[in-house]
PDB file of N, CA and C in Angstrom:
ATOM      1  N   MET A   1     134.885 219.147 310.209  1.00  0.00           N
ATOM      2  CA  MET A   1     134.836 218.462 311.482  1.00  0.00           C
ATOM      3  C   MET A   1     133.797 219.150 312.346  1.00  0.00           C
ATOM      4  N   SER A   2     133.034 218.377 313.078  1.00  0.00           N
ATOM      5  CA  SER A   2     132.014 218.960 313.933  1.00  0.00           C
ATOM      6  C   SER A   2     132.654 219.611 315.152  1.00  0.00           C
ATOM      7  N   THR A   3     131.935 220.579 315.700  1.00  0.00           N
ATOM      8  CA  THR A   3     132.413 221.270 316.892  1.00  0.00           C
ATOM      9  C   THR A   3     132.557 220.284 318.051  1.00  0.00           C
ATOM     10  N   ASP A   4     131.621 219.335 318.155  1.00  0.00           N
ATOM     11  CA  ASP A   4     131.701 218.332 319.217  1.00  0.00           C
ATOM     12  C   ASP A   4     132.970 217.501 319.088  1.00  0.00           C
ATOM     13  N   ARG A   5     133.280 217.083 317.874  1.00  0.00           N
ATOM     14  CA  ARG A   5     134.485 216.268 317.644  1.00  0.00           C
ATOM     15  C   ARG A   5     135.732 217.075 317.958  1.00  0.00           C
ATOM     16  N   LEU A   6     135.778 218.318 317.540  1.00  0.00           N
ATOM     17  CA  LEU A   6     136.922 219.167 317.833  1.00  0.00           C
ATOM     18  C   LEU A   6     137.062 219.330 319.343  1.00  0.00           C
ATOM     19  N   GLY A   7     135.950 219.530 320.037  1.00  0.00           N
ATOM     20  CA  GLY A   7     135.982 219.634 321.492  1.00  0.00           C
ATOM     21  C   GLY A   7     136.521 218.374 322.144  1.00  0.00           C
ATOM     22  N   GLN A   8     136.170 217.236 321.597  1.00  0.00           N
ATOM     23  CA  GLN A   8     136.679 215.969 322.127  1.00  0.00           C
ATOM     24  C   GLN A   8     138.195 215.876 321.948  1.00  0.00           C
ATOM     25  N   LEU A   9     138.663 216.280 320.790  1.00  0.00           N
ATOM     26  CA  LEU A   9     140.100 216.256 320.541  1.00  0.00           C
ATOM     27  C   LEU A   9     140.834 217.210 321.476  1.00  0.00           C
ATOM     28  N   GLU A  10     140.267 218.380 321.678  1.00  0.00           N
ATOM     29  CA  GLU A  10     140.890 219.352 322.586  1.00  0.00           C
ATOM     30  C   GLU A  10     140.944 218.797 324.007  1.00  0.00           C
ATOM     31  N   LYS A  11     139.884 218.144 324.422  1.00  0.00           N
ATOM     32  CA  LYS A  11     139.855 217.544 325.758  1.00  0.00           C
ATOM     33  C   LYS A  11     140.904 216.442 325.878  1.00  0.00           C
ATOM     34  N   MET A  12     141.010 215.619 324.854  1.00  0.00           N
ATOM     35  CA  MET A  12     142.009 214.552 324.861  1.00  0.00           C
ATOM     36  C   MET A  12     143.424 215.127 324.958  1.00  0.00           C
ATOM     37  N   ALA A  13     143.669 216.226 324.260  1.00  0.00           N
ATOM     38  CA  ALA A  13     144.992 216.848 324.291  1.00  0.00           C
ATOM     39  C   ALA A  13     145.303 217.402 325.679  1.00  0.00           C
ATOM     40  N   LEU A  14     144.282 217.901 326.370  1.00  0.00           N
ATOM     41  CA  LEU A  14     144.490 218.374 327.737  1.00  0.00           C
ATOM     42  C   LEU A  14     144.780 217.216 328.680  1.00  0.00           C
ATOM     43  N   GLU A  15     144.127 216.092 328.446  1.00  0.00           N
ATOM     44  CA  GLU A  15     144.302 214.919 329.304  1.00  0.00           C
ATOM     45  C   GLU A  15     145.623 214.206 329.050  1.00  0.00           C
ATOM     46  N   THR A  16     146.082 214.223 327.813  1.00  0.00           N
ATOM     47  CA  THR A  16     147.340 213.554 327.456  1.00  0.00           C
ATOM     48  C   THR A  16     148.210 214.495 326.628  1.00  0.00           C
ATOM     49  N   PRO A  17     148.724 215.557 327.245  1.00  0.00           N
ATOM     50  CA  PRO A  17     149.483 216.555 326.486  1.00  0.00           C
ATOM     51  C   PRO A  17     150.769 216.014 325.864  1.00  0.00           C
ATOM     52  N   GLU A  18     151.242 214.888 326.333  1.00  0.00           N
ATOM     53  CA  GLU A  18     152.474 214.315 325.784  1.00  0.00           C
ATOM     54  C   GLU A  18     152.234 213.475 324.531  1.00  0.00           C
ATOM     55  N   ASP A  19     150.978 213.278 324.164  1.00  0.00           N
ATOM     56  CA  ASP A  19     150.647 212.470 322.988  1.00  0.00           C
ATOM     57  C   ASP A  19     150.972 213.253 321.721  1.00  0.00           C
ATOM     58  N   ARG A  20     152.116 212.965 321.170  1.00  0.00           N
ATOM     59  CA  ARG A  20     152.635 213.686 320.016  1.00  0.00           C
ATOM     60  C   ARG A  20     151.723 213.553 318.798  1.00  0.00           C
ATOM     61  N   ASN A  21     151.245 212.365 318.544  1.00  0.00           N
ATOM     62  CA  ASN A  21     150.380 212.152 317.388  1.00  0.00           C
ATOM     63  C   ASN A  21     149.061 212.903 317.520  1.00  0.00           C
ATOM     64  N   LEU A  22     148.519 212.956 318.719  1.00  0.00           N
ATOM     65  CA  LEU A  22     147.287 213.698 318.950  1.00  0.00           C
ATOM     66  C   LEU A  22     147.505 215.184 318.690  1.00  0.00           C
ATOM     67  N   ARG A  23     148.651 215.699 319.112  1.00  0.00           N
ATOM     68  CA  ARG A  23     148.978 217.119 318.867  1.00  0.00           C
ATOM     69  C   ARG A  23     149.033 217.406 317.366  1.00  0.00           C
ATOM     70  N   TYR A  24     149.631 216.481 316.618  1.00  0.00           N
ATOM     71  CA  TYR A  24     149.714 216.654 315.167  1.00  0.00           C
ATOM     72  C   TYR A  24     148.316 216.624 314.550  1.00  0.00           C
ATOM     73  N   PHE A  25     147.505 215.668 314.974  1.00  0.00           N
ATOM     74  CA  PHE A  25     146.151 215.547 314.441  1.00  0.00           C
ATOM     75  C   PHE A  25     145.337 216.800 314.744  1.00  0.00           C
ATOM     76  N   LEU A  26     145.436 217.298 315.971  1.00  0.00           N
ATOM     77  CA  LEU A  26     144.714 218.506 316.357  1.00  0.00           C
ATOM     78  C   LEU A  26     145.219 219.704 315.551  1.00  0.00           C
ATOM     79  N   ALA A  27     146.535 219.805 315.355  1.00  0.00           N
ATOM     80  CA  ALA A  27     147.104 220.885 314.538  1.00  0.00           C
ATOM     81  C   ALA A  27     146.548 220.840 313.118  1.00  0.00           C
ATOM     82  N   THR A  28     146.419 219.634 312.581  1.00  0.00           N
ATOM     83  CA  THR A  28     145.896 219.465 311.231  1.00  0.00           C
ATOM     84  C   THR A  28     144.442 219.913 311.146  1.00  0.00           C
ATOM     85  N   GLU A  29     143.676 219.589 312.155  1.00  0.00           N
ATOM     86  CA  GLU A  29     142.263 219.992 312.165  1.00  0.00           C
ATOM     87  C   GLU A  29     142.129 221.511 312.266  1.00  0.00           C
ATOM     88  N   TYR A  30     142.887 222.123 313.158  1.00  0.00           N
ATOM     89  CA  TYR A  30     142.875 223.591 313.258  1.00  0.00           C
ATOM     90  C   TYR A  30     143.304 224.217 311.933  1.00  0.00           C
ATOM     91  N   PHE A  31     144.336 223.650 311.331  1.00  0.00           N
ATOM     92  CA  PHE A  31     144.844 224.166 310.062  1.00  0.00           C
ATOM     93  C   PHE A  31     143.746 224.154 309.003  1.00  0.00           C
ATOM     94  N   GLY A  32     143.009 223.066 308.927  1.00  0.00           N
ATOM     95  CA  GLY A  32     141.924 222.958 307.970  1.00  0.00           C
ATOM     96  C   GLY A  32     140.825 223.978 308.185  1.00  0.00           C
ATOM     97  N   LEU A  33     140.686 224.429 309.430  1.00  0.00           N
ATOM     98  CA  LEU A  33     139.700 225.459 309.773  1.00  0.00           C
ATOM     99  C   LEU A  33     140.284 226.867 309.674  1.00  0.00           C
ATOM    100  N   GLN A  34     141.520 226.959 309.216  1.00  0.00           N
ATOM    101  CA  GLN A  34     142.266 228.214 309.111  1.00  0.00           C
ATOM    102  C   GLN A  34     142.424 228.894 310.463  1.00  0.00           C
ATOM    103  N   ARG A  35     142.474 228.108 311.502  1.00  0.00           N
ATOM    104  CA  ARG A  35     142.757 228.618 312.849  1.00  0.00           C
ATOM    105  C   ARG A  35     144.273 228.496 313.049  1.00  0.00           C
ATOM    106  N   TYR A  36     144.991 229.385 312.372  1.00  0.00           N
ATOM    107  CA  TYR A  36     146.439 229.270 312.279  1.00  0.00           C
ATOM    108  C   TYR A  36     147.167 229.413 313.609  1.00  0.00           C
ATOM    109  N   ALA A  37     146.715 230.281 314.478  1.00  0.00           N
ATOM    110  CA  ALA A  37     147.372 230.432 315.779  1.00  0.00           C
ATOM    111  C   ALA A  37     147.214 229.155 316.606  1.00  0.00           C
ATOM    112  N   ASP A  38     146.024 228.568 316.572  1.00  0.00           N
ATOM    113  CA  ASP A  38     145.794 227.321 317.306  1.00  0.00           C
ATOM    114  C   ASP A  38     146.604 226.178 316.699  1.00  0.00           C
ATOM    115  N   SER A  39     146.628 226.112 315.385  1.00  0.00           N
ATOM    116  CA  SER A  39     147.408 225.087 314.711  1.00  0.00           C
ATOM    117  C   SER A  39     148.881 225.224 315.060  1.00  0.00           C
ATOM    118  N   LEU A  40     149.381 226.442 315.032  1.00  0.00           N
ATOM    119  CA  LEU A  40     150.780 226.702 315.352  1.00  0.00           C
ATOM    120  C   LEU A  40     151.116 226.262 316.770  1.00  0.00           C
ATOM    121  N   ARG A  41     150.237 226.544 317.712  1.00  0.00           N
ATOM    122  CA  ARG A  41     150.464 226.135 319.108  1.00  0.00           C
ATOM    123  C   ARG A  41     150.635 224.614 319.196  1.00  0.00           C
ATOM    124  N   GLU A  42     149.767 223.881 318.519  1.00  0.00           N
ATOM    125  CA  GLU A  42     149.858 222.419 318.562  1.00  0.00           C
ATOM    126  C   GLU A  42     151.077 221.914 317.801  1.00  0.00           C
ATOM    127  N   LEU A  43     151.408 222.569 316.710  1.00  0.00           N
ATOM    128  CA  LEU A  43     152.599 222.180 315.955  1.00  0.00           C
ATOM    129  C   LEU A  43     153.868 222.383 316.770  1.00  0.00           C
ATOM    130  N   GLU A  44     153.909 223.435 317.567  1.00  0.00           N
ATOM    131  CA  GLU A  44     155.091 223.669 318.413  1.00  0.00           C
ATOM    132  C   GLU A  44     155.286 222.503 319.377  1.00  0.00           C
ATOM    133  N   HIS A  45     154.193 222.027 319.992  1.00  0.00           N
ATOM    134  CA  HIS A  45     154.289 220.853 320.866  1.00  0.00           C
ATOM    135  C   HIS A  45     154.793 219.648 320.077  1.00  0.00           C
ATOM    136  N   TYR A  46     154.204 219.444 318.927  1.00  0.00           N
ATOM    137  CA  TYR A  46     154.558 218.305 318.074  1.00  0.00           C
ATOM    138  C   TYR A  46     156.030 218.361 317.661  1.00  0.00           C
ATOM    139  N   LEU A  47     156.456 219.481 317.131  1.00  0.00           N
ATOM    140  CA  LEU A  47     157.825 219.592 316.622  1.00  0.00           C
ATOM    141  C   LEU A  47     158.862 219.551 317.730  1.00  0.00           C
ATOM    142  N   ASN A  48     158.518 220.032 318.913  1.00  0.00           N
ATOM    143  CA  ASN A  48     159.466 220.022 320.025  1.00  0.00           C
ATOM    144  C   ASN A  48     159.596 218.658 320.685  1.00  0.00           C
ATOM    145  N   SER A  49     158.739 217.717 320.305  1.00  0.00           N
ATOM    146  CA  SER A  49     158.762 216.417 320.977  1.00  0.00           C
ATOM    147  C   SER A  49     159.319 215.289 320.112  1.00  0.00           C
ATOM    148  N   GLY A  50     159.850 215.609 318.950  1.00  0.00           N
ATOM    149  CA  GLY A  50     160.433 214.563 318.117  1.00  0.00           C
ATOM    150  C   GLY A  50     160.715 215.039 316.711  1.00  0.00           C
ATOM    151  N   ASP A  51     161.145 214.095 315.892  1.00  0.00           N
ATOM    152  CA  ASP A  51     161.525 214.391 314.515  1.00  0.00           C
ATOM    153  C   ASP A  51     160.293 214.520 313.623  1.00  0.00           C
ATOM    154  N   ASP A  52     160.400 215.351 312.632  1.00  0.00           N
ATOM    155  CA  ASP A  52     159.345 215.524 311.636  1.00  0.00           C
ATOM    156  C   ASP A  52     159.963 215.263 310.272  1.00  0.00           C
ATOM    157  N   GLU A  53     159.180 214.691 309.379  1.00  0.00           N
ATOM    158  CA  GLU A  53     159.689 214.363 308.054  1.00  0.00           C
ATOM    159  C   GLU A  53     159.445 215.467 307.037  1.00  0.00           C
ATOM    160  N   GLY A  54     158.872 216.582 307.473  1.00  0.00           N
ATOM    161  CA  GLY A  54     158.726 217.743 306.601  1.00  0.00           C
ATOM    162  C   GLY A  54     157.353 218.371 306.596  1.00  0.00           C
ATOM    163  N   VAL A  55     156.300 217.575 306.703  1.00  0.00           N
ATOM    164  CA  VAL A  55     154.942 218.109 306.610  1.00  0.00           C
ATOM    165  C   VAL A  55     154.629 219.050 307.775  1.00  0.00           C
ATOM    166  N   GLY A  56     155.069 218.703 308.968  1.00  0.00           N
ATOM    167  CA  GLY A  56     154.835 219.568 310.132  1.00  0.00           C
ATOM    168  C   GLY A  56     155.483 220.931 309.954  1.00  0.00           C
ATOM    169  N   PHE A  57     156.695 220.931 309.419  1.00  0.00           N
ATOM    170  CA  PHE A  57     157.382 222.200 309.157  1.00  0.00           C
ATOM    171  C   PHE A  57     156.661 222.997 308.077  1.00  0.00           C
ATOM    172  N   LYS A  58     156.130 222.285 307.075  1.00  0.00           N
ATOM    173  CA  LYS A  58     155.397 222.987 306.017  1.00  0.00           C
ATOM    174  C   LYS A  58     154.163 223.672 306.600  1.00  0.00           C
ATOM    175  N   MET A  59     153.397 222.933 307.398  1.00  0.00           N
ATOM    176  CA  MET A  59     152.209 223.536 308.018  1.00  0.00           C
ATOM    177  C   MET A  59     152.613 224.703 308.911  1.00  0.00           C
ATOM    178  N   ARG A  60     153.696 224.530 309.668  1.00  0.00           N
ATOM    179  CA  ARG A  60     154.174 225.610 310.536  1.00  0.00           C
ATOM    180  C   ARG A  60     154.502 226.853 309.713  1.00  0.00           C
ATOM    181  N   GLY A  61     155.190 226.653 308.596  1.00  0.00           N
ATOM    182  CA  GLY A  61     155.542 227.776 307.731  1.00  0.00           C
ATOM    183  C   GLY A  61     154.320 228.493 307.184  1.00  0.00           C
ATOM    184  N   ILE A  62     153.324 227.727 306.775  1.00  0.00           N
ATOM    185  CA  ILE A  62     152.106 228.339 306.243  1.00  0.00           C
ATOM    186  C   ILE A  62     151.369 229.104 307.334  1.00  0.00           C
ATOM    187  N   CYS A  63     151.285 228.517 308.529  1.00  0.00           N
ATOM    188  CA  CYS A  63     150.639 229.217 309.655  1.00  0.00           C
ATOM    189  C   CYS A  63     151.345 230.534 309.939  1.00  0.00           C
ATOM    190  N   LEU A  64     152.660 230.470 310.046  1.00  0.00           N
ATOM    191  CA  LEU A  64     153.435 231.674 310.348  1.00  0.00           C
ATOM    192  C   LEU A  64     153.247 232.735 309.267  1.00  0.00           C
ATOM    193  N   PHE A  65     153.232 232.310 308.018  1.00  0.00           N
ATOM    194  CA  PHE A  65     153.022 233.242 306.917  1.00  0.00           C
ATOM    195  C   PHE A  65     151.684 233.957 307.063  1.00  0.00           C
ATOM    196  N   HIS A  66     150.625 233.204 307.336  1.00  0.00           N
ATOM    197  CA  HIS A  66     149.294 233.805 307.472  1.00  0.00           C
ATOM    198  C   HIS A  66     149.170 234.667 308.725  1.00  0.00           C
ATOM    199  N   LEU A  67     150.030 234.431 309.685  1.00  0.00           N
ATOM    200  CA  LEU A  67     150.031 235.247 310.897  1.00  0.00           C
ATOM    201  C   LEU A  67     150.955 236.461 310.769  1.00  0.00           C
ATOM    202  N   GLY A  68     151.541 236.634 309.575  1.00  0.00           N
ATOM    203  CA  GLY A  68     152.378 237.800 309.311  1.00  0.00           C
ATOM    204  C   GLY A  68     153.809 237.676 309.801  1.00  0.00           C
ATOM    205  N   ARG A  69     154.214 236.494 310.182  1.00  0.00           N
ATOM    206  CA  ARG A  69     155.569 236.253 310.701  1.00  0.00           C
ATOM    207  C   ARG A  69     156.428 235.659 309.579  1.00  0.00           C
ATOM    208  N   LYS A  70     156.719 236.505 308.596  1.00  0.00           N
ATOM    209  CA  LYS A  70     157.304 236.075 307.334  1.00  0.00           C
ATOM    210  C   LYS A  70     158.708 235.470 307.466  1.00  0.00           C
ATOM    211  N   ASP A  71     159.586 236.075 308.253  1.00  0.00           N
ATOM    212  CA  ASP A  71     160.935 235.527 308.395  1.00  0.00           C
ATOM    213  C   ASP A  71     160.898 234.138 309.019  1.00  0.00           C
ATOM    214  N   GLU A  72     160.058 233.963 310.028  1.00  0.00           N
ATOM    215  CA  GLU A  72     159.926 232.659 310.666  1.00  0.00           C
ATOM    216  C   GLU A  72     159.301 231.650 309.700  1.00  0.00           C
ATOM    217  N   ALA A  73     158.378 232.124 308.877  1.00  0.00           N
ATOM    218  CA  ALA A  73     157.737 231.253 307.886  1.00  0.00           C
ATOM    219  C   ALA A  73     158.771 230.716 306.908  1.00  0.00           C
ATOM    220  N   ARG A  74     159.611 231.599 306.409  1.00  0.00           N
ATOM    221  CA  ARG A  74     160.659 231.184 305.461  1.00  0.00           C
ATOM    222  C   ARG A  74     161.577 230.140 306.113  1.00  0.00           C
ATOM    223  N   ALA A  75     161.989 230.393 307.334  1.00  0.00           N
ATOM    224  CA  ALA A  75     162.879 229.456 308.032  1.00  0.00           C
ATOM    225  C   ALA A  75     162.203 228.101 308.259  1.00  0.00           C
ATOM    226  N   ALA A  76     160.922 228.111 308.601  1.00  0.00           N
ATOM    227  CA  ALA A  76     160.193 226.856 308.821  1.00  0.00           C
ATOM    228  C   ALA A  76     160.099 226.054 307.523  1.00  0.00           C
ATOM    229  N   LEU A  77     159.810 226.727 306.436  1.00  0.00           N
ATOM    230  CA  LEU A  77     159.718 226.038 305.150  1.00  0.00           C
ATOM    231  C   LEU A  77     161.078 225.473 304.733  1.00  0.00           C
ATOM    232  N   GLN A  78     162.142 226.230 304.963  1.00  0.00           N
ATOM    233  CA  GLN A  78     163.483 225.734 304.656  1.00  0.00           C
ATOM    234  C   GLN A  78     163.818 224.519 305.526  1.00  0.00           C
ATOM    235  N   SER A  79     163.398 224.543 306.787  1.00  0.00           N
ATOM    236  CA  SER A  79     163.597 223.383 307.665  1.00  0.00           C
ATOM    237  C   SER A  79     162.807 222.185 307.156  1.00  0.00           C
ATOM    238  N   GLY A  80     161.620 222.435 306.629  1.00  0.00           N
ATOM    239  CA  GLY A  80     160.808 221.367 306.067  1.00  0.00           C
ATOM    240  C   GLY A  80     161.472 220.712 304.868  1.00  0.00           C
ATOM    241  N   ILE A  81     162.078 221.523 304.022  1.00  0.00           N
ATOM    242  CA  ILE A  81     162.792 220.984 302.860  1.00  0.00           C
ATOM    243  C   ILE A  81     163.943 220.107 303.336  1.00  0.00           C
ATOM    244  N   ALA A  82     164.707 220.597 304.292  1.00  0.00           N
ATOM    245  CA  ALA A  82     165.838 219.835 304.820  1.00  0.00           C
ATOM    246  C   ALA A  82     165.377 218.527 305.463  1.00  0.00           C
ATOM    247  N   ALA A  83     164.279 218.583 306.220  1.00  0.00           N
ATOM    248  CA  ALA A  83     163.758 217.376 306.867  1.00  0.00           C
ATOM    249  C   ALA A  83     163.293 216.366 305.824  1.00  0.00           C
ATOM    250  N   ALA A  84     162.590 216.835 304.813  1.00  0.00           N
ATOM    251  CA  ALA A  84     162.111 215.938 303.762  1.00  0.00           C
ATOM    252  C   ALA A  84     163.283 215.288 303.027  1.00  0.00           C
ATOM    253  N   GLU A  85     164.307 216.071 302.743  1.00  0.00           N
ATOM    254  CA  GLU A  85     165.483 215.524 302.065  1.00  0.00           C
ATOM    255  C   GLU A  85     166.212 214.528 302.958  1.00  0.00           C
ATOM    256  N   ARG A  86     166.297 214.820 304.237  1.00  0.00           N
ATOM    257  CA  ARG A  86     166.948 213.926 305.202  1.00  0.00           C
ATOM    258  C   ARG A  86     166.238 212.567 305.255  1.00  0.00           C
ATOM    259  N   HIS A  87     164.923 212.596 305.086  1.00  0.00           N
ATOM    260  CA  HIS A  87     164.130 211.360 305.126  1.00  0.00           C
ATOM    261  C   HIS A  87     163.885 210.792 303.721  1.00  0.00           C
ATOM    262  N   ARG A  88     164.582 211.354 302.743  1.00  0.00           N
ATOM    263  CA  ARG A  88     164.511 210.894 301.358  1.00  0.00           C
ATOM    264  C   ARG A  88     163.111 210.991 300.753  1.00  0.00           C
ATOM    265  N   HIS A  89     162.419 212.073 301.084  1.00  0.00           N
ATOM    266  CA  HIS A  89     161.099 212.355 300.522  1.00  0.00           C
ATOM    267  C   HIS A  89     161.247 213.480 299.495  1.00  0.00           C
ATOM    268  N   SER A  90     161.770 213.129 298.342  1.00  0.00           N
ATOM    269  CA  SER A  90     162.077 214.154 297.336  1.00  0.00           C
ATOM    270  C   SER A  90     160.823 214.857 296.820  1.00  0.00           C
ATOM    271  N   ASP A  91     159.715 214.136 296.692  1.00  0.00           N
ATOM    272  CA  ASP A  91     158.477 214.775 296.236  1.00  0.00           C
ATOM    273  C   ASP A  91     157.986 215.810 297.249  1.00  0.00           C
ATOM    274  N   LEU A  92     158.061 215.469 298.527  1.00  0.00           N
ATOM    275  CA  LEU A  92     157.654 216.405 299.573  1.00  0.00           C
ATOM    276  C   LEU A  92     158.590 217.604 299.600  1.00  0.00           C
ATOM    277  N   ALA A  93     159.885 217.365 299.464  1.00  0.00           N
ATOM    278  CA  ALA A  93     160.842 218.481 299.434  1.00  0.00           C
ATOM    279  C   ALA A  93     160.510 219.432 298.291  1.00  0.00           C
ATOM    280  N   ALA A  94     160.177 218.878 297.128  1.00  0.00           N
ATOM    281  CA  ALA A  94     159.822 219.713 295.972  1.00  0.00           C
ATOM    282  C   ALA A  94     158.526 220.479 296.236  1.00  0.00           C
ATOM    283  N   GLU A  95     157.574 219.833 296.883  1.00  0.00           N
ATOM    284  CA  GLU A  95     156.299 220.482 297.203  1.00  0.00           C
ATOM    285  C   GLU A  95     156.505 221.659 298.156  1.00  0.00           C
ATOM    286  N   ILE A  96     157.359 221.461 299.158  1.00  0.00           N
ATOM    287  CA  ILE A  96     157.628 222.540 300.113  1.00  0.00           C
ATOM    288  C   ILE A  96     158.398 223.663 299.425  1.00  0.00           C
ATOM    289  N   GLU A  97     159.302 223.300 298.529  1.00  0.00           N
ATOM    290  CA  GLU A  97     160.042 224.302 297.755  1.00  0.00           C
ATOM    291  C   GLU A  97     159.077 225.156 296.926  1.00  0.00           C
ATOM    292  N   GLU A  98     158.059 224.535 296.351  1.00  0.00           N
ATOM    293  CA  GLU A  98     157.046 225.284 295.593  1.00  0.00           C
ATOM    294  C   GLU A  98     156.296 226.260 296.499  1.00  0.00           C
ATOM    295  N   THR A  99     155.969 225.820 297.696  1.00  0.00           N
ATOM    296  CA  THR A  99     155.295 226.703 298.656  1.00  0.00           C
ATOM    297  C   THR A  99     156.196 227.876 299.009  1.00  0.00           C
ATOM    298  N   LEU A 100     157.459 227.589 299.243  1.00  0.00           N
ATOM    299  CA  LEU A 100     158.427 228.639 299.558  1.00  0.00           C
ATOM    300  C   LEU A 100     158.503 229.651 298.422  1.00  0.00           C
ATOM    301  N   GLU A 101     158.562 229.179 297.201  1.00  0.00           N
ATOM    302  CA  GLU A 101     158.654 230.070 296.042  1.00  0.00           C
ATOM    303  C   GLU A 101     157.345 230.853 295.844  1.00  0.00           C
ATOM    304  N   GLN A 102     156.226 230.221 296.158  1.00  0.00           N
ATOM    305  CA  GLN A 102     154.935 230.908 296.052  1.00  0.00           C
ATOM    306  C   GLN A 102     154.848 232.066 297.045  1.00  0.00           C
ATOM    307  N   PHE A 103     155.266 231.810 298.265  1.00  0.00           N
ATOM    308  CA  PHE A 103     155.201 232.841 299.312  1.00  0.00           C
ATOM    309  C   PHE A 103     156.296 233.893 299.158  1.00  0.00           C
ATOM    310  N   PHE A 104     157.463 233.472 298.668  1.00  0.00           N
ATOM    311  CA  PHE A 104     158.615 234.366 298.579  1.00  0.00           C
ATOM    312  C   PHE A 104     159.215 234.292 297.170  1.00  0.00           C
ATOM    313  N   PRO A 105     158.521 234.846 296.184  1.00  0.00           N
ATOM    314  CA  PRO A 105     159.026 234.762 294.806  1.00  0.00           C
ATOM    315  C   PRO A 105     160.341 235.510 294.654  1.00  0.00           C
ATOM    316  N   ALA A 106     161.216 234.940 293.848  1.00  0.00           N
ATOM    317  CA  ALA A 106     162.493 235.594 293.555  1.00  0.00           C
ATOM    318  C   ALA A 106     162.222 236.813 292.691  1.00  0.00           C
ATOM    319  N   ILE A 107     162.926 237.875 293.002  1.00  0.00           N
ATOM    320  CA  ILE A 107     162.721 239.119 292.252  1.00  0.00           C
ATOM    321  C   ILE A 107     163.844 239.308 291.257  1.00  0.00           C
TER     322      ILE A 107
END
């Protein structure tokens, strides 16, 4: 994504901070740039404003893991599995479970 486009998205988020979908989109863009703290900030807005079907929790868990917040990462990933199962997304639940096992292998 170009810096100009990212700047436009950031400006839009400032102008309409209640736009849940915009927060998710911005979080996704930051995530792709490995700007985990920025992605996490936007995900917090997104997750606090409504239900998530699992992907938001997965991204949150990955961000937290990369930021060294391992216990919170594990909890976020577990929440993602529960959300995916609640919405009957078994493939997504399995995908998040794989991420959880990758980050926290059983000993």
